[in-house]
Amino acid sequence: MPKLILNMEVKDWKIFEKIYVEGDNSNREKVGIKKIFIGQEENKPNKVHAIFDIPHSNSMREYVENPVVKKMVKDSGIKLETLGGVVCED
C-alpha cells in the first residue's frame, strides 16, 4: 500500500490537533486513508509531519474535495501555502 508523507505549518498545534488529528479519523477511514503518524517538531510546535497509508496516489486529493473536509482543513489552521508531500511505495 502506498504511503503519503506530508509536512506543513499550522497556525496553532493545539487547534490543529483537536480538529484534524483527533477529530477527523472517520472521514479519512471512509475513503481508505489510515493515519500512521501525525506529530509536531520538537522545537517548532507548529511544524507538522504526517504519514498515511493510502489506497492510491490520488486518495488525499479526493478526500479533501469533500466539503466537510475542506471546512475542517480551514478551521484547523493548516497553512496551505506550506503544505508539501510525496507518495512512496513500500
Protein backbone atom coordinates (compact mmCIF):
# COMPACT_ATOMS: atom_id res chain seq x y z
CA MET A 1 0.00 0.00 0.00
CA PRO A 2 1.41 3.44 -0.88
CA LYS A 3 2.35 5.88 1.86
CA LEU A 4 1.76 9.62 1.80
CA ILE A 5 4.32 11.68 3.71
CA LEU A 6 3.23 15.27 4.39
CA ASN A 7 4.77 18.29 6.06
CA MET A 8 3.15 21.64 6.75
CA GLU A 9 2.90 24.54 9.11
CA VAL A 10 -0.21 25.19 11.18
CA LYS A 11 -1.33 28.35 12.95
CA ASP A 12 -1.71 26.61 16.33
CA TRP A 13 -0.84 22.98 17.11
CA LYS A 14 -3.50 22.61 19.84
CA ILE A 15 -6.31 23.68 17.48
CA PHE A 16 -4.94 21.53 14.66
CA GLU A 17 -4.61 18.53 16.96
CA LYS A 18 -8.18 18.83 18.24
CA ILE A 19 -9.81 19.35 14.83
CA TYR A 20 -7.66 17.32 12.46
CA VAL A 21 -5.67 14.76 14.44
CA GLU A 22 -8.35 13.74 16.95
CA GLY A 23 -11.48 14.76 15.08
CA ASP A 24 -11.21 13.54 11.52
CA ASN A 25 -10.31 9.85 11.59
CA SER A 26 -13.76 8.75 10.42
CA ASN A 27 -13.68 10.89 7.25
CA ARG A 28 -10.21 9.58 6.37
CA GLU A 29 -11.15 5.97 7.09
CA LYS A 30 -14.29 6.20 4.91
CA VAL A 31 -12.04 6.72 1.88
CA GLY A 32 -9.43 4.16 2.91
CA ILE A 33 -6.82 6.56 4.33
CA LYS A 34 -5.20 5.26 7.52
CA LYS A 35 -3.25 7.57 9.82
CA ILE A 36 0.12 6.11 10.77
CA PHE A 37 1.62 9.21 12.39
CA ILE A 38 0.86 12.91 12.84
CA GLY A 39 3.22 14.90 15.05
CA GLN A 40 4.95 18.20 15.62
CA GLU A 41 8.63 19.07 15.56
CA GLU A 42 10.27 19.18 18.96
CA ASN A 43 11.47 22.79 18.73
CA LYS A 44 8.89 24.06 16.23
CA PRO A 45 5.47 23.02 17.57
CA ASN A 46 3.59 24.46 14.60
CA LYS A 47 5.65 22.48 12.07
CA VAL A 48 3.79 19.21 11.45
CA HIS A 49 4.73 15.93 9.76
CA ALA A 50 2.29 13.15 8.88
CA ILE A 51 2.37 9.68 7.37
CA PHE A 52 -0.70 7.91 5.98
CA ASP A 53 -1.44 4.57 4.29
CA ILE A 54 -3.40 5.44 1.15
CA PRO A 55 -5.20 3.19 -1.35
CA HIS A 56 -3.79 5.05 -4.39
CA SER A 57 -1.79 8.17 -5.19
CA ASN A 58 -4.84 10.45 -5.61
CA SER A 59 -6.58 9.39 -2.38
CA MET A 60 -5.76 12.50 -0.35
CA ARG A 61 -6.68 14.82 -3.23
CA GLU A 62 -10.08 13.11 -3.50
CA TYR A 63 -10.53 13.20 0.30
CA VAL A 64 -10.01 16.97 0.52
CA GLU A 65 -12.63 17.60 -2.18
CA ASN A 66 -15.30 16.68 0.41
CA PRO A 67 -16.94 19.97 1.57
CA VAL A 68 -16.85 18.82 5.21
CA VAL A 69 -13.12 18.14 4.93
CA LYS A 70 -12.47 21.49 3.19
CA LYS A 71 -14.07 23.28 6.14
CA MET A 72 -12.11 21.16 8.62
CA VAL A 73 -8.83 21.98 6.83
CA LYS A 74 -9.63 25.69 7.02
CA ASP A 75 -10.77 25.56 10.65
CA SER A 76 -7.74 23.51 11.74
CA GLY A 77 -5.34 26.27 10.69
CA ILE A 78 -3.30 24.42 8.08
CA LYS A 79 -1.21 26.96 6.17
CA LEU A 80 -1.86 25.55 2.71
CA GLU A 81 0.99 27.52 1.17
CA THR A 82 3.42 25.46 3.29
CA LEU A 83 1.87 22.06 2.55
CA GLY A 84 4.17 19.61 0.83
CA GLY A 85 4.12 15.89 0.36
CA VAL A 86 5.28 12.84 -1.50
CA VAL A 87 3.78 9.43 -2.25
CA CYS A 88 6.12 6.49 -1.57
CA GLU A 89 5.81 2.77 -2.28
CA ASP A 90 6.68 0.08 0.27
